[in-house]
Amino acid sequence: MVRQREFNEDEVLEAAMLTFWEKGFEATSLSDLTARMGIQRPSIYSAFGDKQQLFEAALRKYASKHAAEVRSKLQSQSSAKAALREYFRGLVAEEYEGGDGRGCFCINTMVELAPHDERFEILTREHQMYLATIFQETLERGVQSGELGAQIQPRVLAQTFVIFLIGLTVMMKSRPERIFLDNAVATLLTLLD
């Protein structure tokens, strides 16, 4: 008879995700994980596999959640320009008005692991492409409504936004003067004019 799991897999995966997000893959020990997840090593191995497999599951959970949040924020306004303006300005405001300095788990992984591990190179690239698709949808909506000019190239501009988002997120980890970032966001948004 198979023994029933005595924990909620989604909840313990969330705990693992937060631990990895705060510390990164290399700096997170199995002791850190068991303490945060509230389960023992055999249960981790049984449910998720080794540390790398657990990390991958946590990253996939984050990427799905993050993409849904970005899509929700960009769809929350009828104006594509206003949605993009609010999104990028909001990233900076959130970080400087009480952010925790963790940045984006997926971007952190891209910096820490993607150069050395093809699996994480692919996973982080997939997330970049999801984000580009979400930005492209928003830009296409703006073109279709007439709010954005027909000369806008939604696919190219969406990719530019992803590159900017990655750079902005990495840059915020060093806490530059806020005006530096506010000016960069304002300049980016002129591409919508």
C-alpha atoms as a PDB file:
ATOM      1  CA  MET A   1       0.000   0.000   0.000  1.00  0.00           C
ATOM      2  CA  VAL A   2       1.348   3.441  -0.990  1.00  0.00           C
ATOM      3  CA  ARG A   3       1.684   5.829   1.908  1.00  0.00           C
ATOM      4  CA  GLN A   4      -0.267   9.093   1.640  1.00  0.00           C
ATOM      5  CA  ARG A   5       1.762  12.294   1.660  1.00  0.00           C
ATOM      6  CA  GLU A   6       1.287  14.199   4.874  1.00  0.00           C
ATOM      7  CA  PHE A   7       1.930  17.617   3.361  1.00  0.00           C
ATOM      8  CA  ASN A   8       0.455  19.892   0.735  1.00  0.00           C
ATOM      9  CA  GLU A   9       2.816  19.621  -2.244  1.00  0.00           C
ATOM     10  CA  ASP A  10       1.900  23.067  -3.583  1.00  0.00           C
ATOM     11  CA  GLU A  11       2.560  24.727  -0.208  1.00  0.00           C
ATOM     12  CA  VAL A  12       5.946  23.076   0.303  1.00  0.00           C
ATOM     13  CA  LEU A  13       6.928  23.905  -3.285  1.00  0.00           C
ATOM     14  CA  GLU A  14       6.000  27.532  -2.589  1.00  0.00           C
ATOM     15  CA  ALA A  15       8.245  27.444   0.478  1.00  0.00           C
ATOM     16  CA  ALA A  16      11.098  25.981  -1.581  1.00  0.00           C
ATOM     17  CA  MET A  17      10.569  28.648  -4.237  1.00  0.00           C
ATOM     18  CA  LEU A  18      10.827  31.433  -1.665  1.00  0.00           C
ATOM     19  CA  THR A  19      13.987  29.910  -0.175  1.00  0.00           C
ATOM     20  CA  PHE A  20      15.707  29.551  -3.547  1.00  0.00           C
ATOM     21  CA  TRP A  21      14.517  33.019  -4.574  1.00  0.00           C
ATOM     22  CA  GLU A  22      16.045  34.590  -1.464  1.00  0.00           C
ATOM     23  CA  LYS A  23      19.337  32.685  -1.472  1.00  0.00           C
ATOM     24  CA  GLY A  24      19.889  31.351  -4.991  1.00  0.00           C
ATOM     25  CA  PHE A  25      20.578  27.749  -5.955  1.00  0.00           C
ATOM     26  CA  GLU A  26      24.156  27.390  -4.752  1.00  0.00           C
ATOM     27  CA  ALA A  27      23.706  29.144  -1.398  1.00  0.00           C
ATOM     28  CA  THR A  28      20.576  27.164  -0.468  1.00  0.00           C
ATOM     29  CA  SER A  29      21.338  24.077   1.573  1.00  0.00           C
ATOM     30  CA  LEU A  30      19.101  21.070   2.086  1.00  0.00           C
ATOM     31  CA  SER A  31      18.892  22.152   5.740  1.00  0.00           C
ATOM     32  CA  ASP A  32      17.527  25.525   4.601  1.00  0.00           C
ATOM     33  CA  LEU A  33      14.954  23.735   2.493  1.00  0.00           C
ATOM     34  CA  THR A  34      13.820  21.246   5.149  1.00  0.00           C
ATOM     35  CA  ALA A  35      13.480  24.051   7.703  1.00  0.00           C
ATOM     36  CA  ARG A  36      11.418  26.271   5.392  1.00  0.00           C
ATOM     37  CA  MET A  37       9.385  23.509   3.780  1.00  0.00           C
ATOM     38  CA  GLY A  38       8.647  21.752   7.078  1.00  0.00           C
ATOM     39  CA  ILE A  39       9.411  18.315   5.649  1.00  0.00           C
ATOM     40  CA  GLN A  40      12.413  16.003   5.870  1.00  0.00           C
ATOM     41  CA  ARG A  41      14.918  15.099   3.155  1.00  0.00           C
ATOM     42  CA  PRO A  42      13.357  11.730   2.279  1.00  0.00           C
ATOM     43  CA  SER A  43      10.034  13.487   1.642  1.00  0.00           C
ATOM     44  CA  ILE A  44      11.742  16.084  -0.566  1.00  0.00           C
ATOM     45  CA  TYR A  45      13.480  13.371  -2.582  1.00  0.00           C
ATOM     46  CA  SER A  46      10.299  11.334  -2.852  1.00  0.00           C
ATOM     47  CA  ALA A  47       8.133  14.258  -3.979  1.00  0.00           C
ATOM     48  CA  PHE A  48      10.541  16.315  -6.060  1.00  0.00           C
ATOM     49  CA  GLY A  49      13.791  14.429  -6.666  1.00  0.00           C
ATOM     50  CA  ASP A  50      17.172  15.977  -5.951  1.00  0.00           C
ATOM     51  CA  LYS A  51      17.942  19.627  -5.180  1.00  0.00           C
ATOM     52  CA  GLN A  52      18.254  20.546  -8.838  1.00  0.00           C
ATOM     53  CA  GLN A  53      14.902  18.957  -9.702  1.00  0.00           C
ATOM     54  CA  LEU A  54      13.276  20.767  -6.774  1.00  0.00           C
ATOM     55  CA  PHE A  55      14.814  24.026  -7.974  1.00  0.00           C
ATOM     56  CA  GLU A  56      13.483  23.418 -11.481  1.00  0.00           C
ATOM     57  CA  ALA A  57       9.971  22.752 -10.133  1.00  0.00           C
ATOM     58  CA  ALA A  58      10.167  25.919  -8.028  1.00  0.00           C
ATOM     59  CA  LEU A  59      11.374  27.949 -11.020  1.00  0.00           C
ATOM     60  CA  ARG A  60       8.571  26.611 -13.223  1.00  0.00           C
ATOM     61  CA  LYS A  61       6.035  27.517 -10.530  1.00  0.00           C
ATOM     62  CA  TYR A  62       7.467  31.024 -10.287  1.00  0.00           C
ATOM     63  CA  ALA A  63       7.611  31.543 -14.064  1.00  0.00           C
ATOM     64  CA  SER A  64       3.971  30.544 -14.467  1.00  0.00           C
ATOM     65  CA  LYS A  65       2.868  32.753 -11.589  1.00  0.00           C
ATOM     66  CA  HIS A  66       4.992  35.706 -12.754  1.00  0.00           C
ATOM     67  CA  ALA A  67       3.751  35.547 -16.354  1.00  0.00           C
ATOM     68  CA  ALA A  68       0.136  35.478 -15.121  1.00  0.00           C
ATOM     69  CA  GLU A  69       0.778  38.519 -12.901  1.00  0.00           C
ATOM     70  CA  VAL A  70       2.380  40.495 -15.739  1.00  0.00           C
ATOM     71  CA  ARG A  71      -0.483  39.606 -18.097  1.00  0.00           C
ATOM     72  CA  SER A  72      -3.046  40.613 -15.454  1.00  0.00           C
ATOM     73  CA  LYS A  73      -1.350  43.972 -14.847  1.00  0.00           C
ATOM     74  CA  LEU A  74      -1.149  44.747 -18.558  1.00  0.00           C
ATOM     75  CA  GLN A  75      -4.759  43.735 -19.191  1.00  0.00           C
ATOM     76  CA  SER A  76      -6.101  45.696 -16.230  1.00  0.00           C
ATOM     77  CA  GLN A  77      -6.372  48.891 -18.274  1.00  0.00           C
ATOM     78  CA  SER A  78      -8.048  49.511 -21.593  1.00  0.00           C
ATOM     79  CA  SER A  79      -5.206  51.799 -22.643  1.00  0.00           C
ATOM     80  CA  ALA A  80      -2.109  49.902 -23.790  1.00  0.00           C
ATOM     81  CA  LYS A  81       0.077  52.967 -23.225  1.00  0.00           C
ATOM     82  CA  ALA A  82      -1.242  53.486 -19.715  1.00  0.00           C
ATOM     83  CA  ALA A  83      -0.834  49.797 -18.896  1.00  0.00           C
ATOM     84  CA  LEU A  84       2.801  49.718 -20.039  1.00  0.00           C
ATOM     85  CA  ARG A  85       3.567  53.044 -18.378  1.00  0.00           C
ATOM     86  CA  GLU A  86       2.060  51.857 -15.099  1.00  0.00           C
ATOM     87  CA  TYR A  87       3.814  48.490 -15.314  1.00  0.00           C
ATOM     88  CA  PHE A  88       7.350  49.843 -15.785  1.00  0.00           C
ATOM     89  CA  ARG A  89       6.942  52.771 -13.412  1.00  0.00           C
ATOM     90  CA  GLY A  90       5.391  50.379 -10.906  1.00  0.00           C
ATOM     91  CA  LEU A  91       8.437  48.092 -10.999  1.00  0.00           C
ATOM     92  CA  VAL A  92      10.690  50.939  -9.930  1.00  0.00           C
ATOM     93  CA  ALA A  93       8.238  52.307  -7.376  1.00  0.00           C
ATOM     94  CA  GLU A  94       7.711  48.874  -5.835  1.00  0.00           C
ATOM     95  CA  GLU A  95      11.442  48.360  -5.386  1.00  0.00           C
ATOM     96  CA  TYR A  96      12.115  51.804  -3.926  1.00  0.00           C
ATOM     97  CA  GLU A  97       9.010  51.993  -1.770  1.00  0.00           C
ATOM     98  CA  GLY A  98       9.438  48.842   0.261  1.00  0.00           C
ATOM     99  CA  GLY A  99      10.759  46.201  -2.092  1.00  0.00           C
ATOM    100  CA  ASP A 100      12.667  43.276  -0.637  1.00  0.00           C
ATOM    101  CA  GLY A 101      15.599  43.392  -3.070  1.00  0.00           C
ATOM    102  CA  ARG A 102      15.076  39.823  -4.284  1.00  0.00           C
ATOM    103  CA  GLY A 103      14.470  40.879  -7.872  1.00  0.00           C
ATOM    104  CA  CYS A 104      12.961  38.365 -10.272  1.00  0.00           C
ATOM    105  CA  PHE A 105      13.614  34.704  -9.452  1.00  0.00           C
ATOM    106  CA  CYS A 106      13.798  33.828 -13.143  1.00  0.00           C
ATOM    107  CA  ILE A 107      16.252  36.625 -13.943  1.00  0.00           C
ATOM    108  CA  ASN A 108      18.337  35.716 -10.883  1.00  0.00           C
ATOM    109  CA  THR A 109      18.475  32.161 -12.238  1.00  0.00           C
ATOM    110  CA  MET A 110      19.412  33.430 -15.679  1.00  0.00           C
ATOM    111  CA  VAL A 111      22.415  35.196 -14.132  1.00  0.00           C
ATOM    112  CA  GLU A 112      23.392  32.430 -11.674  1.00  0.00           C
ATOM    113  CA  LEU A 113      22.787  29.189 -13.570  1.00  0.00           C
ATOM    114  CA  ALA A 114      21.982  29.727 -17.256  1.00  0.00           C
ATOM    115  CA  PRO A 115      25.615  30.333 -18.296  1.00  0.00           C
ATOM    116  CA  HIS A 116      26.585  26.931 -16.833  1.00  0.00           C
ATOM    117  CA  ASP A 117      23.507  24.755 -17.223  1.00  0.00           C
ATOM    118  CA  GLU A 118      21.678  24.273 -20.510  1.00  0.00           C
ATOM    119  CA  ARG A 119      18.439  23.248 -18.751  1.00  0.00           C
ATOM    120  CA  PHE A 120      18.225  26.597 -16.967  1.00  0.00           C
ATOM    121  CA  GLU A 121      19.342  28.476 -20.061  1.00  0.00           C
ATOM    122  CA  ILE A 122      16.332  26.996 -21.861  1.00  0.00           C
ATOM    123  CA  LEU A 123      13.897  27.558 -18.974  1.00  0.00           C
ATOM    124  CA  THR A 124      14.870  31.194 -18.514  1.00  0.00           C
ATOM    125  CA  ARG A 125      14.771  31.801 -22.275  1.00  0.00           C
ATOM    126  CA  GLU A 126      11.258  30.303 -22.366  1.00  0.00           C
ATOM    127  CA  HIS A 127      10.177  32.757 -19.682  1.00  0.00           C
ATOM    128  CA  GLN A 128      11.658  35.632 -21.665  1.00  0.00           C
ATOM    129  CA  MET A 129       9.629  34.519 -24.677  1.00  0.00           C
ATOM    130  CA  TYR A 130       6.418  34.297 -22.598  1.00  0.00           C
ATOM    131  CA  LEU A 131       6.989  37.843 -21.410  1.00  0.00           C
ATOM    132  CA  ALA A 132       7.672  39.019 -24.971  1.00  0.00           C
ATOM    133  CA  THR A 133       4.378  37.469 -26.065  1.00  0.00           C
ATOM    134  CA  ILE A 134       2.523  39.242 -23.251  1.00  0.00           C
ATOM    135  CA  PHE A 135       4.080  42.607 -24.153  1.00  0.00           C
ATOM    136  CA  GLN A 136       3.355  41.970 -27.842  1.00  0.00           C
ATOM    137  CA  GLU A 137      -0.319  41.271 -27.100  1.00  0.00           C
ATOM    138  CA  THR A 138      -0.558  44.583 -25.262  1.00  0.00           C
ATOM    139  CA  LEU A 139       1.158  46.483 -28.067  1.00  0.00           C
ATOM    140  CA  GLU A 140      -1.039  44.844 -30.728  1.00  0.00           C
ATOM    141  CA  ARG A 141      -4.099  45.831 -28.725  1.00  0.00           C
ATOM    142  CA  GLY A 142      -2.847  49.432 -28.759  1.00  0.00           C
ATOM    143  CA  VAL A 143      -2.248  49.359 -32.517  1.00  0.00           C
ATOM    144  CA  GLN A 144      -5.676  47.823 -33.188  1.00  0.00           C
ATOM    145  CA  SER A 145      -7.415  50.460 -31.073  1.00  0.00           C
ATOM    146  CA  GLY A 146      -5.538  53.247 -32.866  1.00  0.00           C
ATOM    147  CA  GLU A 147      -3.889  54.374 -29.637  1.00  0.00           C
ATOM    148  CA  LEU A 148      -0.466  53.359 -30.975  1.00  0.00           C
ATOM    149  CA  GLY A 149       0.680  54.266 -34.468  1.00  0.00           C
ATOM    150  CA  ALA A 150       0.741  51.730 -37.277  1.00  0.00           C
ATOM    151  CA  GLN A 151       4.525  52.198 -37.523  1.00  0.00           C
ATOM    152  CA  ILE A 152       4.943  50.405 -34.166  1.00  0.00           C
ATOM    153  CA  GLN A 153       6.423  46.945 -34.639  1.00  0.00           C
ATOM    154  CA  PRO A 154       4.820  45.047 -31.726  1.00  0.00           C
ATOM    155  CA  ARG A 155       7.089  41.986 -31.885  1.00  0.00           C
ATOM    156  CA  VAL A 156      10.350  43.971 -32.002  1.00  0.00           C
ATOM    157  CA  LEU A 157       9.207  46.460 -29.388  1.00  0.00           C
ATOM    158  CA  ALA A 158       8.028  43.636 -27.103  1.00  0.00           C
ATOM    159  CA  GLN A 159      11.479  42.041 -27.297  1.00  0.00           C
ATOM    160  CA  THR A 160      13.010  45.424 -26.480  1.00  0.00           C
ATOM    161  CA  PHE A 161      10.761  45.662 -23.416  1.00  0.00           C
ATOM    162  CA  VAL A 162      11.924  42.224 -22.231  1.00  0.00           C
ATOM    163  CA  ILE A 163      15.575  43.222 -22.583  1.00  0.00           C
ATOM    164  CA  PHE A 164      14.850  46.456 -20.727  1.00  0.00           C
ATOM    165  CA  LEU A 165      12.958  44.570 -18.008  1.00  0.00           C
ATOM    166  CA  ILE A 166      15.891  42.209 -17.457  1.00  0.00           C
ATOM    167  CA  GLY A 167      18.404  45.052 -17.340  1.00  0.00           C
ATOM    168  CA  LEU A 168      16.203  47.113 -15.044  1.00  0.00           C
ATOM    169  CA  THR A 169      15.684  44.223 -12.645  1.00  0.00           C
ATOM    170  CA  VAL A 170      19.387  43.404 -12.462  1.00  0.00           C
ATOM    171  CA  MET A 171      20.282  47.082 -12.087  1.00  0.00           C
ATOM    172  CA  MET A 172      17.865  47.563  -9.179  1.00  0.00           C
ATOM    173  CA  LYS A 173      19.810  44.985  -7.158  1.00  0.00           C
ATOM    174  CA  SER A 174      22.622  47.542  -6.846  1.00  0.00           C
ATOM    175  CA  ARG A 175      20.154  50.241  -5.690  1.00  0.00           C
ATOM    176  CA  PRO A 176      21.210  53.116  -7.981  1.00  0.00           C
ATOM    177  CA  GLU A 177      19.645  56.519  -7.427  1.00  0.00           C
ATOM    178  CA  ARG A 178      15.981  56.232  -8.297  1.00  0.00           C
ATOM    179  CA  ILE A 179      16.124  59.134 -10.753  1.00  0.00           C
ATOM    180  CA  PHE A 180      18.532  57.064 -12.867  1.00  0.00           C
ATOM    181  CA  LEU A 181      15.873  54.391 -13.312  1.00  0.00           C
ATOM    182  CA  ASP A 182      12.930  56.781 -13.584  1.00  0.00           C
ATOM    183  CA  ASN A 183      14.695  58.574 -16.453  1.00  0.00           C
ATOM    184  CA  ALA A 184      15.427  55.276 -18.213  1.00  0.00           C
ATOM    185  CA  VAL A 185      11.777  54.189 -17.916  1.00  0.00           C
ATOM    186  CA  ALA A 186      10.589  57.555 -19.226  1.00  0.00           C
ATOM    187  CA  THR A 187      12.931  57.232 -22.204  1.00  0.00           C
ATOM    188  CA  LEU A 188      11.762  53.682 -22.915  1.00  0.00           C
ATOM    189  CA  LEU A 189       8.151  54.783 -22.906  1.00  0.00           C
ATOM    190  CA  THR A 190       8.845  57.402 -25.611  1.00  0.00           C
ATOM    191  CA  LEU A 191       9.044  54.421 -27.987  1.00  0.00           C
ATOM    192  CA  LEU A 192       5.249  54.285 -27.702  1.00  0.00           C
ATOM    193  CA  ASP A 193       4.843  57.793 -29.160  1.00  0.00           C
END
